[in-house]
Amino acid sequence: MNDLYKDILIGAVFVIGLLGFISGEFIISSTLFASAAIASNIKVNSKRGKAGQFSWD
């Protein structure tokens, strides 16, 4: 999976979480927001080469 697909996937999860929040699905939207944030942080930290961080590879 290259970086463009990862960015699209993270963005889609965020937008779906936002739409879920607007429609009142607070538990689902919270889970989607958290997964988007974790995935984004993992992606950034793996590019920086920080030790002890999870990686997409």
PDB file of N, CA and C in Angstrom:
ATOM      1  N   MET A   1       0.845  -1.167   0.000  1.00  0.00           N
ATOM      2  CA  MET A   1       0.000   0.000   0.000  1.00  0.00           C
ATOM      3  C   MET A   1       0.894   1.235   0.000  1.00  0.00           C
ATOM      4  N   ASN A   2       0.729   2.083  -0.989  1.00  0.00           N
ATOM      5  CA  ASN A   2       1.573   3.275  -1.013  1.00  0.00           C
ATOM      6  C   ASN A   2       0.927   4.418  -0.226  1.00  0.00           C
ATOM      7  N   ASP A   3       1.632   5.529  -0.159  1.00  0.00           N
ATOM      8  CA  ASP A   3       1.195   6.633   0.696  1.00  0.00           C
ATOM      9  C   ASP A   3      -0.123   7.257   0.248  1.00  0.00           C
ATOM     10  N   LEU A   4      -0.378   7.313  -1.058  1.00  0.00           N
ATOM     11  CA  LEU A   4      -1.626   7.901  -1.532  1.00  0.00           C
ATOM     12  C   LEU A   4      -2.826   7.104  -1.032  1.00  0.00           C
ATOM     13  N   TYR A   5      -2.748   5.783  -1.106  1.00  0.00           N
ATOM     14  CA  TYR A   5      -3.854   4.950  -0.634  1.00  0.00           C
ATOM     15  C   TYR A   5      -4.039   5.066   0.874  1.00  0.00           C
ATOM     16  N   LYS A   6      -2.944   5.186   1.605  1.00  0.00           N
ATOM     17  CA  LYS A   6      -3.048   5.361   3.059  1.00  0.00           C
ATOM     18  C   LYS A   6      -3.726   6.689   3.389  1.00  0.00           C
ATOM     19  N   ASP A   7      -3.338   7.751   2.664  1.00  0.00           N
ATOM     20  CA  ASP A   7      -3.951   9.060   2.894  1.00  0.00           C
ATOM     21  C   ASP A   7      -5.435   9.041   2.562  1.00  0.00           C
ATOM     22  N   ILE A   8      -5.786   8.388   1.463  1.00  0.00           N
ATOM     23  CA  ILE A   8      -7.195   8.296   1.072  1.00  0.00           C
ATOM     24  C   ILE A   8      -7.983   7.505   2.111  1.00  0.00           C
ATOM     25  N   LEU A   9      -7.415   6.410   2.585  1.00  0.00           N
ATOM     26  CA  LEU A   9      -8.099   5.585   3.588  1.00  0.00           C
ATOM     27  C   LEU A   9      -8.292   6.344   4.894  1.00  0.00           C
ATOM     28  N   ILE A  10      -7.269   7.023   5.369  1.00  0.00           N
ATOM     29  CA  ILE A  10      -7.378   7.795   6.615  1.00  0.00           C
ATOM     30  C   ILE A  10      -8.382   8.928   6.453  1.00  0.00           C
ATOM     31  N   GLY A  11      -8.358   9.607   5.312  1.00  0.00           N
ATOM     32  CA  GLY A  11      -9.318  10.677   5.055  1.00  0.00           C
ATOM     33  C   GLY A  11     -10.742  10.168   4.988  1.00  0.00           C
ATOM     34  N   ALA A  12     -10.935   9.007   4.354  1.00  0.00           N
ATOM     35  CA  ALA A  12     -12.274   8.432   4.259  1.00  0.00           C
ATOM     36  C   ALA A  12     -12.804   8.037   5.630  1.00  0.00           C
ATOM     37  N   VAL A  13     -11.954   7.453   6.458  1.00  0.00           N
ATOM     38  CA  VAL A  13     -12.383   7.079   7.808  1.00  0.00           C
ATOM     39  C   VAL A  13     -12.763   8.326   8.604  1.00  0.00           C
ATOM     40  N   PHE A  14     -12.000   9.395   8.446  1.00  0.00           N
ATOM     41  CA  PHE A  14     -12.306  10.642   9.148  1.00  0.00           C
ATOM     42  C   PHE A  14     -13.641  11.224   8.686  1.00  0.00           C
ATOM     43  N   VAL A  15     -13.866  11.256   7.376  1.00  0.00           N
ATOM     44  CA  VAL A  15     -15.113  11.818   6.846  1.00  0.00           C
ATOM     45  C   VAL A  15     -16.311  10.968   7.263  1.00  0.00           C
ATOM     46  N   ILE A  16     -16.174   9.652   7.230  1.00  0.00           N
ATOM     47  CA  ILE A  16     -17.259   8.783   7.675  1.00  0.00           C
ATOM     48  C   ILE A  16     -17.538   9.001   9.162  1.00  0.00           C
ATOM     49  N   GLY A  17     -16.482   9.203   9.958  1.00  0.00           N
ATOM     50  CA  GLY A  17     -16.672   9.510  11.372  1.00  0.00           C
ATOM     51  C   GLY A  17     -17.393  10.832  11.573  1.00  0.00           C
ATOM     52  N   LEU A  18     -17.069  11.816  10.748  1.00  0.00           N
ATOM     53  CA  LEU A  18     -17.735  13.113  10.834  1.00  0.00           C
ATOM     54  C   LEU A  18     -19.211  12.993  10.477  1.00  0.00           C
ATOM     55  N   LEU A  19     -19.517  12.253   9.431  1.00  0.00           N
ATOM     56  CA  LEU A  19     -20.911  12.048   9.049  1.00  0.00           C
ATOM     57  C   LEU A  19     -21.667  11.255  10.123  1.00  0.00           C
ATOM     58  N   GLY A  20     -21.002  10.296  10.740  1.00  0.00           N
ATOM     59  CA  GLY A  20     -21.625   9.554  11.830  1.00  0.00           C
ATOM     60  C   GLY A  20     -21.909  10.432  13.031  1.00  0.00           C
ATOM     61  N   PHE A  21     -21.013  11.362  13.312  1.00  0.00           N
ATOM     62  CA  PHE A  21     -21.213  12.293  14.428  1.00  0.00           C
ATOM     63  C   PHE A  21     -22.412  13.200  14.165  1.00  0.00           C
ATOM     64  N   ILE A  22     -22.515  13.678  12.937  1.00  0.00           N
ATOM     65  CA  ILE A  22     -23.627  14.560  12.582  1.00  0.00           C
ATOM     66  C   ILE A  22     -24.960  13.817  12.680  1.00  0.00           C
ATOM     67  N   SER A  23     -24.954  12.543  12.295  1.00  0.00           N
ATOM     68  CA  SER A  23     -26.204  11.788  12.324  1.00  0.00           C
ATOM     69  C   SER A  23     -26.563  11.248  13.704  1.00  0.00           C
ATOM     70  N   GLY A  24     -25.678  11.408  14.680  1.00  0.00           N
ATOM     71  CA  GLY A  24     -25.997  11.015  16.044  1.00  0.00           C
ATOM     72  C   GLY A  24     -25.404   9.689  16.480  1.00  0.00           C
ATOM     73  N   GLU A  25     -24.612   9.054  15.660  1.00  0.00           N
ATOM     74  CA  GLU A  25     -23.963   7.786  16.016  1.00  0.00           C
ATOM     75  C   GLU A  25     -22.645   8.092  16.738  1.00  0.00           C
ATOM     76  N   PHE A  26     -22.745   8.467  18.004  1.00  0.00           N
ATOM     77  CA  PHE A  26     -21.586   8.988  18.720  1.00  0.00           C
ATOM     78  C   PHE A  26     -20.548   7.918  19.036  1.00  0.00           C
ATOM     79  N   ILE A  27     -20.959   6.713  19.349  1.00  0.00           N
ATOM     80  CA  ILE A  27     -20.007   5.649  19.671  1.00  0.00           C
ATOM     81  C   ILE A  27     -19.224   5.247  18.428  1.00  0.00           C
ATOM     82  N   ILE A  28     -19.937   5.068  17.327  1.00  0.00           N
ATOM     83  CA  ILE A  28     -19.270   4.686  16.078  1.00  0.00           C
ATOM     84  C   ILE A  28     -18.352   5.802  15.598  1.00  0.00           C
ATOM     85  N   SER A  29     -18.813   7.038  15.656  1.00  0.00           N
ATOM     86  CA  SER A  29     -17.987   8.145  15.183  1.00  0.00           C
ATOM     87  C   SER A  29     -16.751   8.327  16.063  1.00  0.00           C
ATOM     88  N   SER A  30     -16.875   8.117  17.353  1.00  0.00           N
ATOM     89  CA  SER A  30     -15.719   8.210  18.240  1.00  0.00           C
ATOM     90  C   SER A  30     -14.678   7.153  17.895  1.00  0.00           C
ATOM     91  N   THR A  31     -15.149   5.947  17.589  1.00  0.00           N
ATOM     92  CA  THR A  31     -14.247   4.871  17.198  1.00  0.00           C
ATOM     93  C   THR A  31     -13.548   5.195  15.883  1.00  0.00           C
ATOM     94  N   LEU A  32     -14.275   5.731  14.932  1.00  0.00           N
ATOM     95  CA  LEU A  32     -13.681   6.082  13.644  1.00  0.00           C
ATOM     96  C   LEU A  32     -12.681   7.229  13.776  1.00  0.00           C
ATOM     97  N   PHE A  33     -13.020   8.246  14.583  1.00  0.00           N
ATOM     98  CA  PHE A  33     -12.076   9.340  14.815  1.00  0.00           C
ATOM     99  C   PHE A  33     -10.789   8.822  15.465  1.00  0.00           C
ATOM    100  N   ALA A  34     -10.936   7.949  16.454  1.00  0.00           N
ATOM    101  CA  ALA A  34      -9.762   7.403  17.137  1.00  0.00           C
ATOM    102  C   ALA A  34      -8.910   6.575  16.182  1.00  0.00           C
ATOM    103  N   SER A  35      -9.531   5.759  15.350  1.00  0.00           N
ATOM    104  CA  SER A  35      -8.753   4.942  14.411  1.00  0.00           C
ATOM    105  C   SER A  35      -8.053   5.804  13.375  1.00  0.00           C
ATOM    106  N   ALA A  36      -8.686   6.882  12.923  1.00  0.00           N
ATOM    107  CA  ALA A  36      -8.032   7.792  11.979  1.00  0.00           C
ATOM    108  C   ALA A  36      -6.840   8.491  12.632  1.00  0.00           C
ATOM    109  N   ALA A  37      -6.999   8.906  13.880  1.00  0.00           N
ATOM    110  CA  ALA A  37      -5.903   9.570  14.578  1.00  0.00           C
ATOM    111  C   ALA A  37      -4.737   8.624  14.824  1.00  0.00           C
ATOM    112  N   ILE A  38      -5.021   7.406  15.238  1.00  0.00           N
ATOM    113  CA  ILE A  38      -3.958   6.428  15.491  1.00  0.00           C
ATOM    114  C   ILE A  38      -3.240   6.074  14.198  1.00  0.00           C
ATOM    115  N   ALA A  39      -3.996   5.841  13.130  1.00  0.00           N
ATOM    116  CA  ALA A  39      -3.387   5.496  11.848  1.00  0.00           C
ATOM    117  C   ALA A  39      -2.523   6.633  11.321  1.00  0.00           C
ATOM    118  N   SER A  40      -2.985   7.849  11.485  1.00  0.00           N
ATOM    119  CA  SER A  40      -2.208   9.007  11.033  1.00  0.00           C
ATOM    120  C   SER A  40      -0.917   9.136  11.838  1.00  0.00           C
ATOM    121  N   ASN A  41      -0.990   8.944  13.150  1.00  0.00           N
ATOM    122  CA  ASN A  41       0.212   9.030  13.982  1.00  0.00           C
ATOM    123  C   ASN A  41       1.198   7.914  13.677  1.00  0.00           C
ATOM    124  N   ILE A  42       0.700   6.720  13.416  1.00  0.00           N
ATOM    125  CA  ILE A  42       1.580   5.613  13.063  1.00  0.00           C
ATOM    126  C   ILE A  42       2.294   5.926  11.752  1.00  0.00           C
ATOM    127  N   LYS A  43       1.556   6.482  10.798  1.00  0.00           N
ATOM    128  CA  LYS A  43       2.143   6.811   9.502  1.00  0.00           C
ATOM    129  C   LYS A  43       3.227   7.873   9.646  1.00  0.00           C
ATOM    130  N   VAL A  44       2.964   8.916  10.403  1.00  0.00           N
ATOM    131  CA  VAL A  44       3.936   9.995  10.590  1.00  0.00           C
ATOM    132  C   VAL A  44       5.169   9.490  11.333  1.00  0.00           C
ATOM    133  N   ASN A  45       4.967   8.717  12.399  1.00  0.00           N
ATOM    134  CA  ASN A  45       6.093   8.239  13.187  1.00  0.00           C
ATOM    135  C   ASN A  45       6.932   7.221  12.435  1.00  0.00           C
ATOM    136  N   SER A  46       6.323   6.439  11.554  1.00  0.00           N
ATOM    137  CA  SER A  46       7.117   5.477  10.788  1.00  0.00           C
ATOM    138  C   SER A  46       7.979   6.191   9.757  1.00  0.00           C
ATOM    139  N   LYS A  47       7.517   7.316   9.237  1.00  0.00           N
ATOM    140  CA  LYS A  47       8.329   8.099   8.302  1.00  0.00           C
ATOM    141  C   LYS A  47       9.509   8.754   9.015  1.00  0.00           C
ATOM    142  N   ARG A  48       9.307   9.148  10.264  1.00  0.00           N
ATOM    143  CA  ARG A  48      10.383   9.775  11.035  1.00  0.00           C
ATOM    144  C   ARG A  48      11.400   8.762  11.538  1.00  0.00           C
ATOM    145  N   GLY A  49      11.038   7.490  11.524  1.00  0.00           N
ATOM    146  CA  GLY A  49      11.956   6.446  11.969  1.00  0.00           C
ATOM    147  C   GLY A  49      12.095   6.354  13.473  1.00  0.00           C
ATOM    148  N   LYS A  50      11.047   6.735  14.184  1.00  0.00           N
ATOM    149  CA  LYS A  50      11.114   6.648  15.651  1.00  0.00           C
ATOM    150  C   LYS A  50      11.130   5.199  16.093  1.00  0.00           C
ATOM    151  N   ALA A  51      11.984   4.891  17.021  1.00  0.00           N
ATOM    152  CA  ALA A  51      12.101   3.525  17.539  1.00  0.00           C
ATOM    153  C   ALA A  51      10.904   3.240  18.441  1.00  0.00           C
ATOM    154  N   GLY A  52      10.443   2.007  18.409  1.00  0.00           N
ATOM    155  CA  GLY A  52       9.364   1.582  19.280  1.00  0.00           C
ATOM    156  C   GLY A  52       7.982   1.911  18.771  1.00  0.00           C
ATOM    157  N   GLN A  53       7.880   2.455  17.577  1.00  0.00           N
ATOM    158  CA  GLN A  53       6.578   2.783  17.022  1.00  0.00           C
ATOM    159  C   GLN A  53       6.155   1.697  16.044  1.00  0.00           C
ATOM    160  N   PHE A  54       4.861   1.500  15.930  1.00  0.00           N
ATOM    161  CA  PHE A  54       4.346   0.541  14.960  1.00  0.00           C
ATOM    162  C   PHE A  54       4.556   1.083  13.556  1.00  0.00           C
ATOM    163  N   SER A  55       4.535   0.216  12.588  1.00  0.00           N
ATOM    164  CA  SER A  55       4.751   0.610  11.214  1.00  0.00           C
ATOM    165  C   SER A  55       3.712  -0.022  10.311  1.00  0.00           C
ATOM    166  N   TRP A  56       3.425   0.594   9.182  1.00  0.00           N
ATOM    167  CA  TRP A  56       2.517   0.039   8.201  1.00  0.00           C
ATOM    168  C   TRP A  56       3.159  -1.079   7.411  1.00  0.00           C
ATOM    169  N   ASP A  57       4.475  -1.131   7.391  1.00  0.00           N
ATOM    170  CA  ASP A  57       5.188  -2.122   6.566  1.00  0.00           C
ATOM    171  C   ASP A  57       5.076  -3.519   7.108  1.00  0.00           C
TER     172      ASP A  57
END
